[in-house]
N, C-alpha and C. Protein backbone atom coordinates (compact mmCIF):
# COMPACT_ATOMS: atom_id res chain seq x y z
N UNK A 1 -5.63 11.60 21.18
CA UNK A 1 -6.04 10.21 21.27
C UNK A 1 -7.54 10.09 21.44
N UNK A 2 -8.13 10.95 22.35
CA UNK A 2 -9.57 10.92 22.56
C UNK A 2 -10.31 11.31 21.29
N UNK A 3 -9.75 12.26 20.52
CA UNK A 3 -10.38 12.66 19.27
C UNK A 3 -10.40 11.50 18.29
N UNK A 4 -9.31 10.70 18.28
CA UNK A 4 -9.25 9.56 17.38
C UNK A 4 -10.31 8.53 17.71
N UNK A 5 -10.48 8.24 19.01
CA UNK A 5 -11.50 7.28 19.43
C UNK A 5 -12.89 7.80 19.10
N UNK A 6 -13.12 9.12 19.32
CA UNK A 6 -14.40 9.72 18.99
C UNK A 6 -14.68 9.63 17.50
N UNK A 7 -13.63 9.82 16.69
CA UNK A 7 -13.80 9.73 15.24
C UNK A 7 -14.21 8.34 14.81
N UNK A 8 -13.59 7.31 15.41
CA UNK A 8 -13.97 5.93 15.10
C UNK A 8 -15.41 5.65 15.49
N UNK A 9 -15.83 6.20 16.64
CA UNK A 9 -17.22 6.00 17.07
C UNK A 9 -18.20 6.66 16.11
N UNK A 10 -17.86 7.86 15.61
CA UNK A 10 -18.72 8.55 14.64
C UNK A 10 -18.83 7.74 13.35
N UNK A 11 -17.70 7.17 12.90
CA UNK A 11 -17.73 6.32 11.69
C UNK A 11 -18.67 5.15 11.89
N UNK A 12 -18.65 4.59 13.08
CA UNK A 12 -19.52 3.46 13.38
C UNK A 12 -20.99 3.85 13.26
N UNK A 13 -21.35 4.98 13.85
CA UNK A 13 -22.74 5.41 13.83
C UNK A 13 -23.22 5.77 12.43
N UNK A 14 -22.37 6.45 11.67
CA UNK A 14 -22.75 6.88 10.33
C UNK A 14 -22.89 5.72 9.36
N UNK A 15 -22.12 4.66 9.61
CA UNK A 15 -22.09 3.56 8.65
C UNK A 15 -22.97 2.38 9.03
N UNK A 16 -23.76 2.50 10.08
CA UNK A 16 -24.60 1.39 10.50
C UNK A 16 -25.47 0.82 9.39
N UNK A 17 -26.08 1.65 8.53
CA UNK A 17 -26.92 1.09 7.49
C UNK A 17 -26.15 0.23 6.50
N UNK A 18 -24.83 0.40 6.43
CA UNK A 18 -24.03 -0.30 5.42
C UNK A 18 -23.27 -1.48 5.99
N UNK A 19 -23.63 -1.92 7.18
CA UNK A 19 -22.92 -3.03 7.79
C UNK A 19 -23.03 -4.29 6.93
N UNK A 20 -21.92 -4.98 6.82
CA UNK A 20 -21.89 -6.19 6.01
C UNK A 20 -22.58 -7.34 6.74
N UNK A 21 -23.34 -8.14 6.01
CA UNK A 21 -23.98 -9.32 6.58
C UNK A 21 -23.24 -10.56 6.11
N UNK A 22 -22.01 -10.71 6.57
CA UNK A 22 -21.17 -11.82 6.14
C UNK A 22 -21.57 -13.10 6.86
N UNK A 23 -21.14 -14.21 6.33
CA UNK A 23 -21.42 -15.49 6.95
C UNK A 23 -20.63 -15.63 8.24
N UNK A 24 -21.12 -16.48 9.14
CA UNK A 24 -20.43 -16.72 10.40
C UNK A 24 -19.43 -17.86 10.24
N UNK A 25 -18.42 -17.88 11.12
CA UNK A 25 -17.47 -18.97 11.08
C UNK A 25 -16.11 -18.59 11.64
N UNK A 26 -15.27 -19.61 11.81
CA UNK A 26 -13.92 -19.41 12.33
C UNK A 26 -12.97 -18.94 11.24
N UNK A 27 -11.93 -18.23 11.65
CA UNK A 27 -10.88 -17.82 10.72
C UNK A 27 -9.56 -17.67 11.46
N UNK A 28 -8.48 -17.72 10.70
CA UNK A 28 -7.15 -17.45 11.23
C UNK A 28 -6.48 -16.41 10.36
N UNK A 29 -5.53 -15.69 10.90
CA UNK A 29 -4.86 -14.64 10.14
C UNK A 29 -3.41 -14.50 10.58
N UNK A 30 -2.57 -14.11 9.62
CA UNK A 30 -1.18 -13.78 9.90
C UNK A 30 -0.87 -12.45 9.23
N UNK A 31 0.07 -11.69 9.80
CA UNK A 31 0.42 -10.40 9.22
C UNK A 31 1.84 -10.00 9.57
N UNK A 32 2.42 -9.14 8.75
CA UNK A 32 3.76 -8.63 8.98
C UNK A 32 3.83 -7.21 8.44
N UNK A 33 4.66 -6.38 9.06
CA UNK A 33 4.76 -5.01 8.58
C UNK A 33 5.74 -4.17 9.37
N UNK A 34 5.56 -2.86 9.28
CA UNK A 34 6.47 -1.90 9.91
C UNK A 34 5.88 -1.34 11.19
N UNK A 35 6.77 -1.01 12.14
CA UNK A 35 6.37 -0.41 13.40
C UNK A 35 7.17 0.87 13.62
N UNK A 36 6.46 1.95 13.84
CA UNK A 36 7.10 3.24 14.13
C UNK A 36 6.85 3.55 15.60
N UNK A 37 7.85 3.27 16.43
CA UNK A 37 7.72 3.51 17.87
C UNK A 37 7.80 5.02 18.11
N UNK A 38 6.83 5.54 18.83
CA UNK A 38 6.79 6.98 19.11
C UNK A 38 7.93 7.37 20.05
N UNK A 39 8.36 8.63 19.96
CA UNK A 39 9.36 9.14 20.89
C UNK A 39 8.88 8.90 22.32
N UNK A 40 9.77 8.39 23.16
CA UNK A 40 9.40 7.98 24.52
C UNK A 40 10.06 8.87 25.56
N UNK A 41 9.25 9.51 26.39
CA UNK A 41 9.78 10.26 27.52
C UNK A 41 10.14 9.29 28.64
N UNK A 42 11.30 9.49 29.24
CA UNK A 42 11.78 8.65 30.33
C UNK A 42 11.88 9.49 31.59
N UNK A 43 11.26 9.01 32.66
CA UNK A 43 11.36 9.70 33.95
C UNK A 43 12.04 8.77 34.95
N UNK A 44 12.88 9.34 35.78
CA UNK A 44 13.59 8.59 36.82
C UNK A 44 13.24 9.20 38.16
N UNK A 45 12.67 8.38 39.05
CA UNK A 45 12.22 8.85 40.37
C UNK A 45 11.30 10.06 40.24
N UNK A 46 10.42 10.00 39.22
CA UNK A 46 9.43 11.05 39.04
C UNK A 46 9.92 12.31 38.36
N UNK A 47 11.18 12.34 37.95
CA UNK A 47 11.75 13.54 37.32
C UNK A 47 12.12 13.21 35.87
N UNK A 48 11.75 14.09 34.93
CA UNK A 48 12.06 13.87 33.52
C UNK A 48 13.58 13.73 33.33
N UNK A 49 13.96 12.66 32.60
CA UNK A 49 15.38 12.37 32.42
C UNK A 49 15.83 12.55 30.97
N UNK A 50 14.95 12.26 30.01
CA UNK A 50 15.33 12.39 28.61
C UNK A 50 14.28 11.78 27.70
N UNK A 51 14.53 11.88 26.39
CA UNK A 51 13.61 11.34 25.39
C UNK A 51 14.34 10.35 24.49
N UNK A 52 13.76 9.19 24.32
CA UNK A 52 14.33 8.16 23.45
C UNK A 52 13.64 8.22 22.08
N UNK A 53 14.43 8.18 21.01
CA UNK A 53 13.90 8.14 19.65
C UNK A 53 14.33 6.82 19.01
N UNK A 54 13.45 6.27 18.16
CA UNK A 54 13.65 4.93 17.63
C UNK A 54 13.67 4.91 16.11
N UNK A 55 14.40 3.91 15.56
CA UNK A 55 14.36 3.65 14.12
C UNK A 55 13.06 2.92 13.79
N UNK A 56 12.75 2.85 12.51
CA UNK A 56 11.61 2.04 12.07
C UNK A 56 11.88 0.58 12.39
N UNK A 57 10.93 -0.07 13.03
CA UNK A 57 11.07 -1.47 13.40
C UNK A 57 10.13 -2.34 12.60
N UNK A 58 9.87 -3.52 13.13
CA UNK A 58 8.98 -4.46 12.43
C UNK A 58 7.98 -5.05 13.42
N UNK A 59 6.87 -5.55 12.86
CA UNK A 59 5.84 -6.19 13.67
C UNK A 59 5.33 -7.42 12.93
N UNK A 60 5.11 -8.51 13.67
CA UNK A 60 4.53 -9.72 13.11
C UNK A 60 3.47 -10.22 14.09
N UNK A 61 2.49 -10.96 13.58
CA UNK A 61 1.47 -11.45 14.48
C UNK A 61 0.57 -12.48 13.85
N UNK A 62 -0.19 -13.15 14.69
CA UNK A 62 -1.16 -14.13 14.24
C UNK A 62 -2.40 -14.07 15.11
N UNK A 63 -3.54 -14.44 14.54
CA UNK A 63 -4.80 -14.38 15.27
C UNK A 63 -5.65 -15.61 14.99
N UNK A 64 -6.56 -15.88 15.90
CA UNK A 64 -7.62 -16.87 15.71
C UNK A 64 -8.91 -16.18 16.12
N UNK A 65 -9.89 -16.18 15.22
CA UNK A 65 -11.10 -15.45 15.51
C UNK A 65 -12.37 -16.12 15.03
N UNK A 66 -13.50 -15.48 15.36
CA UNK A 66 -14.81 -15.98 14.95
C UNK A 66 -15.63 -14.80 14.45
N UNK A 67 -16.27 -14.99 13.30
CA UNK A 67 -17.08 -13.96 12.68
C UNK A 67 -18.56 -14.27 12.90
N UNK A 68 -19.31 -13.26 13.36
CA UNK A 68 -20.76 -13.36 13.48
C UNK A 68 -21.36 -12.20 12.72
N UNK A 69 -21.86 -12.46 11.54
CA UNK A 69 -22.39 -11.42 10.66
C UNK A 69 -21.32 -10.37 10.41
N UNK A 70 -21.54 -9.14 10.85
CA UNK A 70 -20.60 -8.07 10.57
C UNK A 70 -19.59 -7.85 11.70
N UNK A 71 -19.64 -8.63 12.76
CA UNK A 71 -18.69 -8.52 13.87
C UNK A 71 -17.68 -9.65 13.82
N UNK A 72 -16.44 -9.34 14.22
CA UNK A 72 -15.40 -10.35 14.38
C UNK A 72 -14.78 -10.22 15.76
N UNK A 73 -14.56 -11.36 16.39
CA UNK A 73 -13.92 -11.42 17.71
C UNK A 73 -12.71 -12.33 17.59
N UNK A 74 -11.59 -11.92 18.20
CA UNK A 74 -10.38 -12.73 18.02
C UNK A 74 -9.41 -12.58 19.16
N UNK A 75 -8.55 -13.58 19.28
CA UNK A 75 -7.39 -13.51 20.15
C UNK A 75 -6.15 -13.34 19.29
N UNK A 76 -5.23 -12.52 19.75
CA UNK A 76 -4.04 -12.19 18.94
C UNK A 76 -2.77 -12.32 19.75
N UNK A 77 -1.73 -12.83 19.11
CA UNK A 77 -0.37 -12.80 19.65
C UNK A 77 0.50 -12.07 18.64
N UNK A 78 1.24 -11.05 19.08
CA UNK A 78 2.08 -10.29 18.15
C UNK A 78 3.41 -9.96 18.80
N UNK A 79 4.38 -9.64 17.95
CA UNK A 79 5.73 -9.28 18.42
C UNK A 79 6.20 -8.07 17.64
N UNK A 80 6.79 -7.10 18.35
CA UNK A 80 7.29 -5.88 17.73
C UNK A 80 8.69 -5.61 18.26
N UNK A 81 9.60 -5.14 17.40
CA UNK A 81 10.96 -4.80 17.83
C UNK A 81 11.45 -3.58 17.07
N UNK A 82 12.25 -2.75 17.76
CA UNK A 82 12.80 -1.55 17.13
C UNK A 82 14.08 -1.15 17.84
N UNK A 83 15.07 -0.65 17.08
CA UNK A 83 16.31 -0.16 17.66
C UNK A 83 16.15 1.28 18.12
N UNK A 84 16.74 1.59 19.27
CA UNK A 84 16.77 2.97 19.74
C UNK A 84 17.83 3.73 18.96
N UNK A 85 17.46 4.87 18.41
CA UNK A 85 18.37 5.67 17.59
C UNK A 85 19.17 6.66 18.45
N UNK A 86 18.46 7.45 19.24
CA UNK A 86 19.13 8.42 20.11
C UNK A 86 18.43 8.46 21.46
N UNK A 87 19.19 8.89 22.47
CA UNK A 87 18.60 9.16 23.79
C UNK A 87 19.03 10.56 24.21
N UNK A 88 18.03 11.42 24.34
CA UNK A 88 18.27 12.82 24.69
C UNK A 88 19.25 13.47 23.72
N UNK A 89 19.16 13.08 22.43
CA UNK A 89 19.98 13.67 21.38
C UNK A 89 21.30 12.99 21.11
N UNK A 90 21.71 12.07 21.99
CA UNK A 90 22.97 11.35 21.82
C UNK A 90 22.72 9.98 21.20
N UNK A 91 23.67 9.48 20.38
CA UNK A 91 23.50 8.14 19.79
C UNK A 91 23.29 7.09 20.87
N UNK A 92 22.41 6.13 20.58
CA UNK A 92 22.10 5.09 21.56
C UNK A 92 22.26 3.71 20.93
N UNK A 93 22.60 2.74 21.76
CA UNK A 93 22.77 1.36 21.29
C UNK A 93 21.90 0.46 22.15
N UNK A 94 20.60 0.49 21.89
CA UNK A 94 19.65 -0.29 22.67
C UNK A 94 18.52 -0.75 21.75
N UNK A 95 17.74 -1.70 22.24
CA UNK A 95 16.61 -2.22 21.48
C UNK A 95 15.41 -2.37 22.40
N UNK A 96 14.24 -2.10 21.86
CA UNK A 96 13.01 -2.34 22.59
C UNK A 96 12.19 -3.37 21.81
N UNK A 97 11.61 -4.31 22.54
CA UNK A 97 10.72 -5.27 21.89
C UNK A 97 9.54 -5.55 22.80
N UNK A 98 8.45 -6.02 22.21
CA UNK A 98 7.24 -6.27 22.97
C UNK A 98 6.53 -7.51 22.45
N UNK A 99 6.18 -8.41 23.35
CA UNK A 99 5.35 -9.56 23.05
C UNK A 99 3.97 -9.25 23.62
N UNK A 100 2.96 -9.22 22.75
CA UNK A 100 1.64 -8.71 23.13
C UNK A 100 0.55 -9.75 22.92
N UNK A 101 -0.36 -9.81 23.89
CA UNK A 101 -1.54 -10.68 23.81
C UNK A 101 -2.78 -9.79 23.91
N UNK A 102 -3.67 -9.89 22.91
CA UNK A 102 -4.82 -9.00 22.85
C UNK A 102 -6.11 -9.77 22.57
N UNK A 103 -7.21 -9.25 23.11
CA UNK A 103 -8.55 -9.68 22.71
C UNK A 103 -9.13 -8.52 21.89
N UNK A 104 -9.41 -8.78 20.62
CA UNK A 104 -9.81 -7.73 19.69
C UNK A 104 -11.25 -7.89 19.22
N UNK A 105 -11.84 -6.77 18.84
CA UNK A 105 -13.13 -6.77 18.18
C UNK A 105 -13.05 -5.97 16.90
N UNK A 106 -13.81 -6.39 15.88
CA UNK A 106 -13.81 -5.72 14.58
C UNK A 106 -15.23 -5.47 14.13
N UNK A 107 -15.42 -4.41 13.38
CA UNK A 107 -16.70 -4.11 12.77
C UNK A 107 -16.48 -3.89 11.28
N UNK A 108 -17.03 -4.77 10.46
CA UNK A 108 -16.87 -4.71 9.00
C UNK A 108 -18.00 -3.91 8.36
N UNK A 109 -17.69 -3.25 7.25
CA UNK A 109 -18.67 -2.46 6.52
C UNK A 109 -18.78 -2.94 5.08
N UNK A 110 -20.01 -3.17 4.63
CA UNK A 110 -20.25 -3.65 3.27
C UNK A 110 -20.40 -2.46 2.34
N UNK A 111 -19.42 -2.25 1.44
CA UNK A 111 -19.52 -1.15 0.47
C UNK A 111 -19.72 -1.69 -0.93
N UNK A 112 -19.94 -3.00 -1.02
CA UNK A 112 -20.11 -3.62 -2.32
C UNK A 112 -18.78 -4.01 -2.93
N UNK A 113 -18.75 -5.12 -3.67
CA UNK A 113 -17.51 -5.55 -4.29
C UNK A 113 -16.63 -6.28 -3.31
N UNK A 114 -15.36 -6.53 -3.70
CA UNK A 114 -14.46 -7.34 -2.88
C UNK A 114 -13.82 -6.60 -1.71
N UNK A 115 -13.92 -5.26 -1.66
CA UNK A 115 -13.29 -4.49 -0.59
C UNK A 115 -14.23 -4.35 0.60
N UNK A 116 -13.68 -4.59 1.80
CA UNK A 116 -14.45 -4.43 3.03
C UNK A 116 -13.63 -3.66 4.06
N UNK A 117 -13.92 -2.37 4.25
CA UNK A 117 -13.22 -1.61 5.29
C UNK A 117 -13.73 -2.01 6.67
N UNK A 118 -12.92 -1.73 7.68
CA UNK A 118 -13.32 -2.08 9.04
C UNK A 118 -12.64 -1.17 10.05
N UNK A 119 -13.17 -1.17 11.26
CA UNK A 119 -12.53 -0.51 12.39
C UNK A 119 -12.31 -1.57 13.47
N UNK A 120 -11.35 -1.32 14.35
CA UNK A 120 -11.00 -2.33 15.34
C UNK A 120 -10.54 -1.69 16.65
N UNK A 121 -10.68 -2.44 17.72
CA UNK A 121 -10.16 -2.05 19.02
C UNK A 121 -9.90 -3.29 19.84
N UNK A 122 -9.04 -3.18 20.83
CA UNK A 122 -8.74 -4.35 21.64
C UNK A 122 -7.99 -3.99 22.91
N UNK A 123 -7.99 -4.93 23.85
CA UNK A 123 -7.26 -4.75 25.11
C UNK A 123 -6.51 -6.04 25.44
N UNK A 124 -5.46 -5.90 26.25
CA UNK A 124 -4.68 -7.07 26.64
C UNK A 124 -3.48 -6.68 27.45
N UNK A 125 -2.37 -7.37 27.22
CA UNK A 125 -1.14 -7.13 27.99
C UNK A 125 0.07 -7.32 27.11
N UNK A 126 1.15 -6.60 27.42
CA UNK A 126 2.42 -6.71 26.70
C UNK A 126 3.56 -6.91 27.68
N UNK A 127 4.47 -7.80 27.31
CA UNK A 127 5.74 -7.90 28.02
C UNK A 127 6.76 -7.12 27.21
N UNK A 128 7.21 -5.99 27.75
CA UNK A 128 8.12 -5.08 27.05
C UNK A 128 9.52 -5.21 27.63
N UNK A 129 10.50 -5.30 26.75
CA UNK A 129 11.89 -5.46 27.20
C UNK A 129 12.79 -4.43 26.52
N UNK A 130 13.67 -3.84 27.29
CA UNK A 130 14.71 -2.95 26.77
C UNK A 130 16.06 -3.61 27.03
N UNK A 131 16.84 -3.80 25.98
CA UNK A 131 18.16 -4.41 26.13
C UNK A 131 19.23 -3.48 25.58
N UNK A 132 20.35 -3.44 26.28
CA UNK A 132 21.48 -2.60 25.89
C UNK A 132 22.77 -3.32 26.25
N UNK A 133 23.73 -3.40 25.31
CA UNK A 133 24.99 -4.09 25.60
C UNK A 133 25.67 -3.52 26.85
N UNK A 134 26.12 -4.41 27.71
CA UNK A 134 26.80 -3.98 28.92
C UNK A 134 25.88 -3.71 30.10
N UNK A 135 24.57 -3.78 29.88
CA UNK A 135 23.61 -3.54 30.94
C UNK A 135 22.67 -4.74 31.06
N UNK A 136 22.06 -4.87 32.23
CA UNK A 136 21.07 -5.93 32.44
C UNK A 136 19.80 -5.60 31.66
N UNK A 137 19.27 -6.60 30.95
CA UNK A 137 18.01 -6.39 30.24
C UNK A 137 16.90 -6.11 31.25
N UNK A 138 16.05 -5.14 30.92
CA UNK A 138 14.94 -4.77 31.79
C UNK A 138 13.63 -5.06 31.09
N UNK A 139 12.66 -5.60 31.83
CA UNK A 139 11.36 -5.86 31.21
C UNK A 139 10.24 -5.61 32.21
N UNK A 140 9.03 -5.45 31.67
CA UNK A 140 7.86 -5.21 32.49
C UNK A 140 6.63 -5.66 31.71
N UNK A 141 5.63 -6.19 32.40
CA UNK A 141 4.37 -6.57 31.76
C UNK A 141 3.32 -5.52 32.11
N UNK A 142 2.69 -4.95 31.09
CA UNK A 142 1.79 -3.81 31.30
C UNK A 142 0.48 -4.01 30.54
N UNK A 143 -0.56 -3.32 31.01
CA UNK A 143 -1.84 -3.27 30.30
C UNK A 143 -1.64 -2.60 28.94
N UNK A 144 -2.30 -3.12 27.91
CA UNK A 144 -2.13 -2.61 26.55
C UNK A 144 -3.49 -2.49 25.87
N UNK A 145 -3.63 -1.49 25.01
CA UNK A 145 -4.83 -1.36 24.18
C UNK A 145 -4.43 -1.01 22.76
N UNK A 146 -5.33 -1.24 21.82
CA UNK A 146 -5.09 -0.87 20.44
C UNK A 146 -6.38 -0.37 19.80
N UNK A 147 -6.24 0.59 18.90
CA UNK A 147 -7.35 1.05 18.05
C UNK A 147 -6.81 1.19 16.64
N UNK A 148 -7.66 0.94 15.65
CA UNK A 148 -7.16 1.04 14.28
C UNK A 148 -8.26 0.88 13.26
N UNK A 149 -7.83 0.79 12.01
CA UNK A 149 -8.74 0.64 10.89
C UNK A 149 -7.98 -0.04 9.76
N UNK A 150 -8.72 -0.64 8.85
CA UNK A 150 -8.08 -1.32 7.74
C UNK A 150 -9.07 -1.65 6.65
N UNK A 151 -8.61 -2.44 5.70
CA UNK A 151 -9.46 -2.87 4.60
C UNK A 151 -9.05 -4.27 4.19
N UNK A 152 -10.06 -5.08 3.90
CA UNK A 152 -9.81 -6.43 3.41
C UNK A 152 -10.21 -6.54 1.95
N UNK A 153 -9.45 -7.32 1.20
CA UNK A 153 -9.77 -7.57 -0.21
C UNK A 153 -9.99 -9.07 -0.37
N UNK A 154 -11.22 -9.46 -0.75
CA UNK A 154 -11.57 -10.87 -0.87
C UNK A 154 -10.94 -11.46 -2.12
N UNK A 155 -9.94 -12.32 -1.91
CA UNK A 155 -9.31 -13.02 -3.02
C UNK A 155 -10.18 -14.19 -3.47
N UNK A 156 -10.84 -14.84 -2.49
CA UNK A 156 -11.77 -15.93 -2.77
C UNK A 156 -12.80 -15.93 -1.65
N UNK A 157 -13.66 -16.95 -1.62
CA UNK A 157 -14.68 -17.02 -0.59
C UNK A 157 -14.08 -17.24 0.80
N UNK A 158 -12.88 -17.78 0.86
CA UNK A 158 -12.28 -18.09 2.17
C UNK A 158 -10.98 -17.35 2.46
N UNK A 159 -10.41 -16.67 1.47
CA UNK A 159 -9.12 -15.99 1.66
C UNK A 159 -9.28 -14.49 1.42
N UNK A 160 -8.80 -13.69 2.37
CA UNK A 160 -8.86 -12.23 2.28
C UNK A 160 -7.49 -11.63 2.50
N UNK A 161 -7.08 -10.76 1.60
CA UNK A 161 -5.86 -9.97 1.77
C UNK A 161 -6.20 -8.80 2.67
N UNK A 162 -5.43 -8.61 3.73
CA UNK A 162 -5.78 -7.64 4.77
C UNK A 162 -4.67 -6.61 4.94
N UNK A 163 -5.04 -5.33 4.95
CA UNK A 163 -4.10 -4.23 5.21
C UNK A 163 -4.65 -3.42 6.37
N UNK A 164 -3.82 -3.23 7.42
CA UNK A 164 -4.33 -2.61 8.64
C UNK A 164 -3.34 -1.61 9.23
N UNK A 165 -3.89 -0.50 9.72
CA UNK A 165 -3.14 0.45 10.55
C UNK A 165 -3.69 0.38 11.95
N UNK A 166 -2.79 0.48 12.93
CA UNK A 166 -3.28 0.60 14.29
C UNK A 166 -2.29 1.34 15.17
N UNK A 167 -2.86 1.95 16.21
CA UNK A 167 -2.08 2.61 17.24
C UNK A 167 -2.17 1.72 18.47
N UNK A 168 -1.02 1.34 19.01
CA UNK A 168 -0.99 0.44 20.16
C UNK A 168 -0.17 1.09 21.28
N UNK A 169 -0.75 1.11 22.48
CA UNK A 169 -0.11 1.76 23.61
C UNK A 169 -0.65 1.14 24.90
N UNK A 170 -0.38 1.80 26.02
CA UNK A 170 -0.86 1.29 27.30
C UNK A 170 -0.12 1.94 28.45
N UNK A 171 0.02 1.20 29.53
CA UNK A 171 0.72 1.71 30.70
C UNK A 171 2.21 1.91 30.40
N UNK A 172 2.83 2.83 31.12
CA UNK A 172 4.26 3.02 31.01
C UNK A 172 5.00 1.80 31.54
N UNK A 173 6.08 1.44 30.86
CA UNK A 173 6.97 0.40 31.36
C UNK A 173 7.72 0.94 32.58
N UNK A 174 7.89 0.12 33.61
CA UNK A 174 8.56 0.57 34.83
C UNK A 174 9.57 -0.48 35.29
N UNK A 175 10.74 -0.03 35.70
CA UNK A 175 11.75 -0.95 36.22
C UNK A 175 12.67 -0.21 37.18
N UNK A 176 13.38 -0.98 38.01
CA UNK A 176 14.30 -0.40 38.99
C UNK A 176 15.73 -0.75 38.63
N UNK A 177 16.61 0.22 38.81
CA UNK A 177 18.03 0.01 38.54
C UNK A 177 18.85 0.95 39.40
N UNK A 178 19.82 0.39 40.12
CA UNK A 178 20.70 1.22 40.95
C UNK A 178 19.97 1.99 42.02
N UNK A 179 18.87 1.43 42.56
CA UNK A 179 18.12 2.11 43.60
C UNK A 179 17.14 3.15 43.09
N UNK A 180 17.07 3.34 41.76
CA UNK A 180 16.13 4.31 41.18
C UNK A 180 15.05 3.58 40.39
N UNK A 181 13.91 4.23 40.23
CA UNK A 181 12.80 3.68 39.47
C UNK A 181 12.61 4.50 38.20
N UNK A 182 12.64 3.82 37.06
CA UNK A 182 12.49 4.49 35.78
C UNK A 182 11.16 4.11 35.15
N UNK A 183 10.51 5.07 34.48
CA UNK A 183 9.28 4.85 33.75
C UNK A 183 9.50 5.28 32.30
N UNK A 184 9.08 4.43 31.37
CA UNK A 184 9.29 4.67 29.95
C UNK A 184 7.95 4.61 29.22
N UNK A 185 7.61 5.67 28.49
CA UNK A 185 6.41 5.65 27.67
C UNK A 185 6.64 4.74 26.46
N UNK A 186 5.66 3.92 26.13
CA UNK A 186 5.80 3.03 24.98
C UNK A 186 4.51 3.08 24.16
N UNK A 187 4.64 3.49 22.90
CA UNK A 187 3.51 3.53 21.97
C UNK A 187 4.04 3.32 20.57
N UNK A 188 3.22 2.76 19.70
CA UNK A 188 3.68 2.43 18.35
C UNK A 188 2.56 2.60 17.33
N UNK A 189 2.95 3.08 16.15
CA UNK A 189 2.06 3.11 14.99
C UNK A 189 2.49 1.97 14.07
N UNK A 190 1.59 1.02 13.84
CA UNK A 190 1.92 -0.17 13.05
C UNK A 190 1.11 -0.22 11.76
N UNK A 191 1.77 -0.59 10.69
CA UNK A 191 1.11 -0.81 9.40
C UNK A 191 1.48 -2.20 8.93
N UNK A 192 0.49 -3.09 8.80
CA UNK A 192 0.76 -4.48 8.45
C UNK A 192 -0.09 -4.93 7.27
N UNK A 193 0.40 -5.95 6.61
CA UNK A 193 -0.35 -6.60 5.54
C UNK A 193 -0.29 -8.10 5.78
N UNK A 194 -1.38 -8.78 5.47
CA UNK A 194 -1.40 -10.21 5.75
C UNK A 194 -2.55 -10.91 5.08
N UNK A 195 -2.78 -12.15 5.48
CA UNK A 195 -3.85 -12.98 4.94
C UNK A 195 -4.78 -13.42 6.05
N UNK A 196 -6.07 -13.38 5.76
CA UNK A 196 -7.10 -13.90 6.66
C UNK A 196 -7.79 -15.06 5.97
N UNK A 197 -7.84 -16.21 6.63
CA UNK A 197 -8.37 -17.43 5.99
C UNK A 197 -9.48 -18.04 6.81
N UNK A 198 -10.65 -18.19 6.19
CA UNK A 198 -11.77 -18.82 6.86
C UNK A 198 -11.69 -20.33 6.77
N UNK A 199 -12.27 -21.01 7.79
CA UNK A 199 -12.29 -22.47 7.75
C UNK A 199 -13.47 -23.01 8.55
């Protein structure tokens, strides 16, 4: 993870001369795509209990932001859901979902033409819930961060087709059940496509 952040920082430094000088203004964006929830280690009362594996899920989101030259700042609301496939190797019948609020920053790079690559990072909070038939739904609100990269394709002066990858993670989800405390690692690789519209 640290290597990934360092790599993004190096890209920033190397590409400074090519920063895009775009116009300033407000924009909104929507996106939808796939979410690959990473295998999650579960610990109960500090002792490793098992590993949860998940099917491919989905992610949707919307943002409102402001562009100042080559920087973009935005607030984001997104939702992700995925079914649990196995727990410690046995079939599982559970679902994990997360409602996330983030403050994001973007750095756009001018490479000429309609394509504009970018890097992004953000921090915020997620309400994560695990539900399983026959059991009480468990949820927790945790600190969340995201890092990623993408590319925009200018369809017109105000509309951009956007494709983005990001890694989103944060604090472990924690809840109590039957007198025990469980901690669940939660992280996801998301790939989304959407529209960004200036106004």
